[in-house]
Amino acid sequence: MPKKKPEILDEAGLHTLAREAFERSGLTQREAAERLGVTQGAVSQALRNAGGRYVALQCRIVELAGWRCEGPRWLVYR
């Protein structure tokens, strides 16, 4: 099987993908927060806001869907 090439995302793209990953995970915000070791409010903010201080958390949310996410250019392997 060929190795998948990563997608290179900007902060807006990462935000969109984090929302998709969260929906695919089937978790509530509270459950996601517990798995990620953050508050439910932080998950909520990360899902509502693109960029800024939430990009690292958005990358971790992407990983809830089983995808790999790496900064600083936000390489995503699905």
C-alpha atoms as a PDB file:
ATOM      1  CA  MET A   1       0.000   0.000   0.000  1.00  0.00           C
ATOM      2  CA  PRO A   2       1.494   3.377  -0.963  1.00  0.00           C
ATOM      3  CA  LYS A   3       2.234   5.829   1.806  1.00  0.00           C
ATOM      4  CA  LYS A   4      -0.320   8.632   1.937  1.00  0.00           C
ATOM      5  CA  LYS A   5       0.886  12.134   1.226  1.00  0.00           C
ATOM      6  CA  PRO A   6       0.013  14.684   3.866  1.00  0.00           C
ATOM      7  CA  GLU A   7      -2.363  17.560   3.314  1.00  0.00           C
ATOM      8  CA  ILE A   8      -0.801  20.910   4.161  1.00  0.00           C
ATOM      9  CA  LEU A   9      -3.368  23.100   5.868  1.00  0.00           C
ATOM     10  CA  ASP A  10      -3.479  26.713   6.931  1.00  0.00           C
ATOM     11  CA  GLU A  11      -5.160  27.625  10.225  1.00  0.00           C
ATOM     12  CA  ALA A  12      -8.614  27.954   8.622  1.00  0.00           C
ATOM     13  CA  GLY A  13      -8.244  24.534   6.996  1.00  0.00           C
ATOM     14  CA  LEU A  14      -7.133  22.998  10.288  1.00  0.00           C
ATOM     15  CA  HIS A  15     -10.183  24.494  12.007  1.00  0.00           C
ATOM     16  CA  THR A  16     -12.533  23.024   9.386  1.00  0.00           C
ATOM     17  CA  LEU A  17     -10.868  19.628   9.654  1.00  0.00           C
ATOM     18  CA  ALA A  18     -11.023  19.712  13.473  1.00  0.00           C
ATOM     19  CA  ARG A  19     -14.791  20.251  13.281  1.00  0.00           C
ATOM     20  CA  GLU A  20     -15.105  17.334  10.819  1.00  0.00           C
ATOM     21  CA  ALA A  21     -12.926  15.109  13.002  1.00  0.00           C
ATOM     22  CA  PHE A  22     -14.959  15.972  16.093  1.00  0.00           C
ATOM     23  CA  GLU A  23     -18.195  15.046  14.324  1.00  0.00           C
ATOM     24  CA  ARG A  24     -16.663  11.770  13.086  1.00  0.00           C
ATOM     25  CA  SER A  25     -15.451  10.895  16.581  1.00  0.00           C
ATOM     26  CA  GLY A  26     -19.024  10.641  17.875  1.00  0.00           C
ATOM     27  CA  LEU A  27     -17.911  12.096  21.204  1.00  0.00           C
ATOM     28  CA  THR A  28     -19.576  14.850  23.163  1.00  0.00           C
ATOM     29  CA  GLN A  29     -17.497  17.930  23.913  1.00  0.00           C
ATOM     30  CA  ARG A  30     -17.218  16.760  27.509  1.00  0.00           C
ATOM     31  CA  GLU A  31     -15.973  13.295  26.457  1.00  0.00           C
ATOM     32  CA  ALA A  32     -13.475  14.821  24.029  1.00  0.00           C
ATOM     33  CA  ALA A  33     -12.256  17.172  26.747  1.00  0.00           C
ATOM     34  CA  GLU A  34     -11.697  14.275  29.145  1.00  0.00           C
ATOM     35  CA  ARG A  35      -9.679  12.356  26.537  1.00  0.00           C
ATOM     36  CA  LEU A  36      -7.623  15.432  25.707  1.00  0.00           C
ATOM     37  CA  GLY A  37      -7.104  16.554  29.306  1.00  0.00           C
ATOM     38  CA  VAL A  38      -8.705  19.971  28.792  1.00  0.00           C
ATOM     39  CA  THR A  39     -11.980  21.607  29.773  1.00  0.00           C
ATOM     40  CA  GLN A  40     -15.193  21.306  27.801  1.00  0.00           C
ATOM     41  CA  GLY A  41     -15.022  25.080  27.330  1.00  0.00           C
ATOM     42  CA  ALA A  42     -11.624  24.795  25.655  1.00  0.00           C
ATOM     43  CA  VAL A  43     -12.974  22.201  23.217  1.00  0.00           C
ATOM     44  CA  SER A  44     -15.957  24.434  22.502  1.00  0.00           C
ATOM     45  CA  GLN A  45     -13.705  27.422  21.818  1.00  0.00           C
ATOM     46  CA  ALA A  46     -11.409  25.379  19.574  1.00  0.00           C
ATOM     47  CA  LEU A  47     -14.380  24.191  17.520  1.00  0.00           C
ATOM     48  CA  ARG A  48     -15.778  27.721  17.159  1.00  0.00           C
ATOM     49  CA  ASN A  49     -12.608  29.694  16.475  1.00  0.00           C
ATOM     50  CA  ALA A  50     -10.055  29.297  13.700  1.00  0.00           C
ATOM     51  CA  GLY A  51      -6.399  29.918  14.413  1.00  0.00           C
ATOM     52  CA  GLY A  52      -4.884  31.783  17.277  1.00  0.00           C
ATOM     53  CA  ARG A  53      -4.297  30.000  20.530  1.00  0.00           C
ATOM     54  CA  TYR A  54      -6.468  27.022  19.602  1.00  0.00           C
ATOM     55  CA  VAL A  55      -4.420  25.538  16.752  1.00  0.00           C
ATOM     56  CA  ALA A  56      -2.557  23.030  18.926  1.00  0.00           C
ATOM     57  CA  LEU A  57      -5.838  21.838  20.468  1.00  0.00           C
ATOM     58  CA  GLN A  58      -7.445  21.675  17.011  1.00  0.00           C
ATOM     59  CA  CYS A  59      -4.596  19.431  15.892  1.00  0.00           C
ATOM     60  CA  ARG A  60      -5.253  17.150  18.875  1.00  0.00           C
ATOM     61  CA  ILE A  61      -8.979  17.089  18.041  1.00  0.00           C
ATOM     62  CA  VAL A  62      -8.071  15.966  14.500  1.00  0.00           C
ATOM     63  CA  GLU A  63      -6.247  13.015  16.077  1.00  0.00           C
ATOM     64  CA  LEU A  64      -9.479  11.922  17.825  1.00  0.00           C
ATOM     65  CA  ALA A  65     -10.663  10.748  14.386  1.00  0.00           C
ATOM     66  CA  GLY A  66      -7.566   8.568  14.059  1.00  0.00           C
ATOM     67  CA  TRP A  67      -5.769  10.945  11.720  1.00  0.00           C
ATOM     68  CA  ARG A  68      -2.240  12.204  12.332  1.00  0.00           C
ATOM     69  CA  CYS A  69      -1.641  15.946  12.621  1.00  0.00           C
ATOM     70  CA  GLU A  70       1.736  17.677  12.888  1.00  0.00           C
ATOM     71  CA  GLY A  71       2.627  21.372  13.192  1.00  0.00           C
ATOM     72  CA  PRO A  72       3.873  23.940  12.466  1.00  0.00           C
ATOM     73  CA  ARG A  73       2.561  23.695   8.895  1.00  0.00           C
ATOM     74  CA  TRP A  74      -0.294  21.452   9.985  1.00  0.00           C
ATOM     75  CA  LEU A  75       0.422  18.343   8.001  1.00  0.00           C
ATOM     76  CA  VAL A  76      -2.533  15.987   8.211  1.00  0.00           C
ATOM     77  CA  TYR A  77      -2.443  12.321   7.262  1.00  0.00           C
ATOM     78  CA  ARG A  78      -5.909  10.798   6.794  1.00  0.00           C
END
